[in-house]
Amino acid sequence: MILEEYDEEQHMRTVYQEGDRKRLIRSVCYLLQKGYDPANIAELLDEDQDIIEQICSLALAAAPEYDIEKIYQAL
């Protein structure tokens, strides 16, 4: 069995990326509830429209709970 060296910097990057993605999902869900469409959300959040559309479709399928963790896992 080979043990890999623990890379703290890589671990922290992964944690931050996960947090960033969940914040994006939370923001998209909030804006969907306010009645914004995916194109407007992408423009407001300055994000790629394809990613926003993917999050929107998953979020609408998870409505009305908008479970951030389930949406994140589905991405």
C-alpha atoms as a PDB file:
ATOM      1  CA  MET A   1       0.000   0.000   0.000  1.00  0.00           C
ATOM      2  CA  ILE A   2       1.349   3.392  -1.011  1.00  0.00           C
ATOM      3  CA  LEU A   3       0.613   6.389   1.145  1.00  0.00           C
ATOM      4  CA  GLU A   4       0.423   9.685  -0.639  1.00  0.00           C
ATOM      5  CA  GLU A   5       1.901  12.766   0.906  1.00  0.00           C
ATOM      6  CA  TYR A   6      -0.737  15.116   2.260  1.00  0.00           C
ATOM      7  CA  ASP A   7      -0.836  18.273   0.183  1.00  0.00           C
ATOM      8  CA  GLU A   8      -2.408  20.975   2.326  1.00  0.00           C
ATOM      9  CA  GLU A   9      -2.428  23.551  -0.466  1.00  0.00           C
ATOM     10  CA  GLN A  10      -4.284  21.202  -2.813  1.00  0.00           C
ATOM     11  CA  HIS A  11      -6.747  20.327  -0.057  1.00  0.00           C
ATOM     12  CA  MET A  12      -7.466  24.008   0.641  1.00  0.00           C
ATOM     13  CA  ARG A  13      -7.941  24.744  -3.081  1.00  0.00           C
ATOM     14  CA  THR A  14     -10.466  21.918  -3.280  1.00  0.00           C
ATOM     15  CA  VAL A  15     -12.326  23.167  -0.215  1.00  0.00           C
ATOM     16  CA  TYR A  16     -12.462  26.729  -1.564  1.00  0.00           C
ATOM     17  CA  GLN A  17     -13.645  25.554  -5.002  1.00  0.00           C
ATOM     18  CA  GLU A  18     -16.417  23.514  -3.395  1.00  0.00           C
ATOM     19  CA  GLY A  19     -17.465  26.511  -1.300  1.00  0.00           C
ATOM     20  CA  ASP A  20     -17.423  28.817  -4.323  1.00  0.00           C
ATOM     21  CA  ARG A  21     -19.599  26.418  -6.323  1.00  0.00           C
ATOM     22  CA  LYS A  22     -22.112  26.076  -3.468  1.00  0.00           C
ATOM     23  CA  ARG A  23     -22.301  29.870  -3.089  1.00  0.00           C
ATOM     24  CA  LEU A  24     -22.987  30.131  -6.812  1.00  0.00           C
ATOM     25  CA  ILE A  25     -25.746  27.516  -6.561  1.00  0.00           C
ATOM     26  CA  ARG A  26     -27.269  29.344  -3.583  1.00  0.00           C
ATOM     27  CA  SER A  27     -27.231  32.645  -5.500  1.00  0.00           C
ATOM     28  CA  VAL A  28     -28.801  31.069  -8.581  1.00  0.00           C
ATOM     29  CA  CYS A  29     -31.571  29.481  -6.493  1.00  0.00           C
ATOM     30  CA  TYR A  30     -32.271  32.800  -4.800  1.00  0.00           C
ATOM     31  CA  LEU A  31     -32.521  34.626  -8.121  1.00  0.00           C
ATOM     32  CA  LEU A  32     -34.726  31.889  -9.590  1.00  0.00           C
ATOM     33  CA  GLN A  33     -37.115  32.330  -6.680  1.00  0.00           C
ATOM     34  CA  LYS A  34     -37.188  36.057  -7.437  1.00  0.00           C
ATOM     35  CA  GLY A  35     -38.272  35.312 -11.007  1.00  0.00           C
ATOM     36  CA  TYR A  36     -35.055  35.885 -12.952  1.00  0.00           C
ATOM     37  CA  ASP A  37     -34.372  33.763 -16.026  1.00  0.00           C
ATOM     38  CA  PRO A  38     -31.036  31.961 -16.633  1.00  0.00           C
ATOM     39  CA  ALA A  39     -29.735  34.559 -19.109  1.00  0.00           C
ATOM     40  CA  ASN A  40     -30.300  37.401 -16.633  1.00  0.00           C
ATOM     41  CA  ILE A  41     -28.794  35.387 -13.788  1.00  0.00           C
ATOM     42  CA  ALA A  42     -25.667  34.668 -15.852  1.00  0.00           C
ATOM     43  CA  GLU A  43     -25.321  38.356 -16.644  1.00  0.00           C
ATOM     44  CA  LEU A  44     -25.914  39.483 -13.052  1.00  0.00           C
ATOM     45  CA  LEU A  45     -23.430  36.990 -11.615  1.00  0.00           C
ATOM     46  CA  ASP A  46     -20.941  37.381 -14.484  1.00  0.00           C
ATOM     47  CA  GLU A  47     -20.850  33.619 -15.028  1.00  0.00           C
ATOM     48  CA  ASP A  48     -20.932  31.348 -18.059  1.00  0.00           C
ATOM     49  CA  GLN A  49     -24.528  30.983 -19.259  1.00  0.00           C
ATOM     50  CA  ASP A  50     -24.162  27.220 -19.882  1.00  0.00           C
ATOM     51  CA  ILE A  51     -23.216  26.592 -16.245  1.00  0.00           C
ATOM     52  CA  ILE A  52     -26.050  28.792 -15.006  1.00  0.00           C
ATOM     53  CA  GLU A  53     -28.555  26.993 -17.247  1.00  0.00           C
ATOM     54  CA  GLN A  54     -27.358  23.633 -15.927  1.00  0.00           C
ATOM     55  CA  ILE A  55     -27.717  24.822 -12.319  1.00  0.00           C
ATOM     56  CA  CYS A  56     -31.151  26.297 -13.107  1.00  0.00           C
ATOM     57  CA  SER A  57     -32.458  23.049 -14.567  1.00  0.00           C
ATOM     58  CA  LEU A  58     -31.232  21.083 -11.549  1.00  0.00           C
ATOM     59  CA  ALA A  59     -32.593  23.716  -9.160  1.00  0.00           C
ATOM     60  CA  LEU A  60     -36.026  23.758 -10.787  1.00  0.00           C
ATOM     61  CA  ALA A  61     -36.136  19.973 -10.503  1.00  0.00           C
ATOM     62  CA  ALA A  62     -35.332  20.345  -6.789  1.00  0.00           C
ATOM     63  CA  ALA A  63     -37.933  23.078  -6.201  1.00  0.00           C
ATOM     64  CA  PRO A  64     -39.384  24.180  -3.847  1.00  0.00           C
ATOM     65  CA  GLU A  65     -36.722  22.973  -1.381  1.00  0.00           C
ATOM     66  CA  TYR A  66     -33.737  23.985  -3.531  1.00  0.00           C
ATOM     67  CA  ASP A  67     -31.434  21.613  -1.638  1.00  0.00           C
ATOM     68  CA  ILE A  68     -27.983  23.094  -2.328  1.00  0.00           C
ATOM     69  CA  GLU A  69     -26.149  19.865  -1.466  1.00  0.00           C
ATOM     70  CA  LYS A  70     -28.281  17.745  -3.836  1.00  0.00           C
ATOM     71  CA  ILE A  71     -27.809  20.245  -6.645  1.00  0.00           C
ATOM     72  CA  TYR A  72     -24.054  20.353  -5.999  1.00  0.00           C
ATOM     73  CA  GLN A  73     -23.811  16.547  -6.069  1.00  0.00           C
ATOM     74  CA  ALA A  74     -25.786  16.425  -9.338  1.00  0.00           C
ATOM     75  CA  LEU A  75     -23.320  18.790 -11.022  1.00  0.00           C
END
